Amino acid sequence: MAVIILAGTFAAMLPSGILTLMQVSVCVVIGLVLLAFFLLPLLFNSLMRIKRDII
């Protein structure tokens, strides 16, 4: 849920027309999408497998 709010906040900077704000917002939104859909599911599954192997 927090990813959606943060992405929306930074995406609101896109229509500003200021190049630096647009670049920062695009980088943050891309990073959040990568985090939410690729990194966290893989990391969570890996940590659960490690925990299962230890116990």
N, C-alpha and C. Protein backbone atom coordinates (compact mmCIF):
# COMPACT_ATOMS: atom_id res chain seq x y z
N MET A 1 0.83 -1.20 0.00
CA MET A 1 0.00 0.00 0.00
C MET A 1 0.87 1.26 0.00
N ALA A 2 1.94 1.22 0.76
CA ALA A 2 2.81 2.39 0.84
C ALA A 2 3.50 2.66 -0.49
N VAL A 3 3.76 1.59 -1.24
CA VAL A 3 4.40 1.75 -2.55
C VAL A 3 3.49 2.52 -3.49
N ILE A 4 2.22 2.24 -3.45
CA ILE A 4 1.26 2.93 -4.32
C ILE A 4 1.19 4.42 -3.97
N ILE A 5 1.14 4.72 -2.69
CA ILE A 5 1.06 6.12 -2.26
C ILE A 5 2.33 6.88 -2.63
N LEU A 6 3.49 6.26 -2.39
CA LEU A 6 4.76 6.92 -2.70
C LEU A 6 4.93 7.10 -4.20
N ALA A 7 4.55 6.09 -4.98
CA ALA A 7 4.64 6.20 -6.44
C ALA A 7 3.70 7.29 -6.96
N GLY A 8 2.52 7.38 -6.40
CA GLY A 8 1.58 8.42 -6.82
C GLY A 8 2.07 9.82 -6.47
N THR A 9 2.71 9.94 -5.32
CA THR A 9 3.26 11.23 -4.91
C THR A 9 4.34 11.69 -5.88
N PHE A 10 5.24 10.79 -6.21
CA PHE A 10 6.31 11.17 -7.13
C PHE A 10 5.82 11.29 -8.56
N ALA A 11 4.82 10.52 -8.94
CA ALA A 11 4.27 10.63 -10.30
C ALA A 11 3.55 11.97 -10.48
N ALA A 12 3.09 12.57 -9.40
CA ALA A 12 2.44 13.88 -9.49
C ALA A 12 3.43 14.97 -9.87
N MET A 13 4.72 14.71 -9.72
CA MET A 13 5.74 15.70 -10.10
C MET A 13 6.01 15.71 -11.61
N LEU A 14 5.58 14.68 -12.32
CA LEU A 14 5.88 14.59 -13.75
C LEU A 14 5.33 15.77 -14.57
N PRO A 15 4.11 16.22 -14.35
CA PRO A 15 3.60 17.33 -15.18
C PRO A 15 4.20 18.70 -14.83
N SER A 16 5.10 18.76 -13.86
CA SER A 16 5.63 20.06 -13.43
C SER A 16 6.45 20.73 -14.53
N GLY A 17 7.10 19.94 -15.36
CA GLY A 17 7.91 20.51 -16.42
C GLY A 17 9.33 20.84 -16.00
N ILE A 18 9.66 20.67 -14.74
CA ILE A 18 11.02 20.91 -14.25
C ILE A 18 11.80 19.61 -14.44
N LEU A 19 12.88 19.69 -15.19
CA LEU A 19 13.60 18.50 -15.62
C LEU A 19 14.12 17.68 -14.44
N THR A 20 14.68 18.33 -13.45
CA THR A 20 15.23 17.59 -12.31
C THR A 20 14.14 16.84 -11.55
N LEU A 21 13.00 17.48 -11.32
CA LEU A 21 11.89 16.81 -10.63
C LEU A 21 11.37 15.63 -11.45
N MET A 22 11.32 15.81 -12.75
CA MET A 22 10.84 14.73 -13.62
C MET A 22 11.81 13.55 -13.58
N GLN A 23 13.10 13.82 -13.61
CA GLN A 23 14.09 12.74 -13.58
C GLN A 23 14.05 11.99 -12.26
N VAL A 24 13.96 12.72 -11.16
CA VAL A 24 13.90 12.08 -9.85
C VAL A 24 12.63 11.25 -9.72
N SER A 25 11.51 11.78 -10.15
CA SER A 25 10.25 11.04 -10.01
C SER A 25 10.24 9.78 -10.88
N VAL A 26 10.79 9.85 -12.07
CA VAL A 26 10.84 8.65 -12.92
C VAL A 26 11.73 7.59 -12.29
N CYS A 27 12.87 7.98 -11.76
CA CYS A 27 13.77 7.03 -11.11
C CYS A 27 13.13 6.40 -9.88
N VAL A 28 12.45 7.19 -9.09
CA VAL A 28 11.81 6.66 -7.88
C VAL A 28 10.67 5.71 -8.24
N VAL A 29 9.86 6.07 -9.21
CA VAL A 29 8.74 5.22 -9.60
C VAL A 29 9.25 3.90 -10.19
N ILE A 30 10.27 3.94 -11.03
CA ILE A 30 10.84 2.71 -11.58
C ILE A 30 11.44 1.86 -10.47
N GLY A 31 12.14 2.47 -9.55
CA GLY A 31 12.71 1.74 -8.43
C GLY A 31 11.65 1.09 -7.56
N LEU A 32 10.55 1.78 -7.31
CA LEU A 32 9.48 1.21 -6.50
C LEU A 32 8.80 0.04 -7.20
N VAL A 33 8.61 0.16 -8.50
CA VAL A 33 8.00 -0.95 -9.26
C VAL A 33 8.91 -2.17 -9.22
N LEU A 34 10.20 -1.96 -9.41
CA LEU A 34 11.14 -3.08 -9.34
C LEU A 34 11.16 -3.70 -7.95
N LEU A 35 11.12 -2.87 -6.93
CA LEU A 35 11.11 -3.37 -5.56
C LEU A 35 9.86 -4.18 -5.27
N ALA A 36 8.71 -3.65 -5.65
CA ALA A 36 7.44 -4.28 -5.29
C ALA A 36 7.18 -5.57 -6.06
N PHE A 37 7.58 -5.64 -7.33
CA PHE A 37 7.20 -6.78 -8.15
C PHE A 37 8.31 -7.80 -8.37
N PHE A 38 9.56 -7.42 -8.14
CA PHE A 38 10.65 -8.36 -8.41
C PHE A 38 11.48 -8.67 -7.17
N LEU A 39 11.96 -7.65 -6.50
CA LEU A 39 12.90 -7.86 -5.41
C LEU A 39 12.23 -8.44 -4.17
N LEU A 40 11.14 -7.86 -3.71
CA LEU A 40 10.51 -8.33 -2.48
C LEU A 40 9.98 -9.76 -2.58
N PRO A 41 9.30 -10.16 -3.65
CA PRO A 41 8.86 -11.57 -3.72
C PRO A 41 10.03 -12.55 -3.72
N LEU A 42 11.10 -12.25 -4.43
CA LEU A 42 12.25 -13.14 -4.45
C LEU A 42 12.94 -13.18 -3.09
N LEU A 43 13.10 -12.03 -2.48
CA LEU A 43 13.76 -11.96 -1.18
C LEU A 43 12.94 -12.67 -0.11
N PHE A 44 11.65 -12.47 -0.12
CA PHE A 44 10.79 -13.10 0.88
C PHE A 44 10.83 -14.62 0.75
N ASN A 45 10.74 -15.13 -0.48
CA ASN A 45 10.80 -16.57 -0.68
C ASN A 45 12.15 -17.14 -0.27
N SER A 46 13.21 -16.44 -0.58
CA SER A 46 14.55 -16.90 -0.21
C SER A 46 14.72 -16.95 1.30
N LEU A 47 14.26 -15.92 1.98
CA LEU A 47 14.39 -15.90 3.44
C LEU A 47 13.54 -17.00 4.10
N MET A 48 12.37 -17.26 3.56
CA MET A 48 11.54 -18.33 4.11
C MET A 48 12.19 -19.69 3.88
N ARG A 49 12.84 -19.88 2.74
CA ARG A 49 13.52 -21.16 2.47
C ARG A 49 14.71 -21.33 3.42
N ILE A 50 15.46 -20.26 3.64
CA ILE A 50 16.59 -20.34 4.57
C ILE A 50 16.10 -20.66 5.97
N LYS A 51 15.02 -20.03 6.38
CA LYS A 51 14.47 -20.28 7.72
C LYS A 51 13.99 -21.72 7.82
N ARG A 52 13.36 -22.24 6.79
CA ARG A 52 12.88 -23.62 6.82
C ARG A 52 14.04 -24.60 6.89
N ASP A 53 15.14 -24.31 6.18
CA ASP A 53 16.29 -25.21 6.20
C ASP A 53 17.01 -25.20 7.55
N ILE A 54 16.97 -24.08 8.24
CA ILE A 54 17.63 -23.98 9.54
C ILE A 54 16.86 -24.75 10.60
N ILE A 55 15.55 -24.63 10.55
CA ILE A 55 14.71 -25.26 11.59
C ILE A 55 14.58 -26.72 11.37
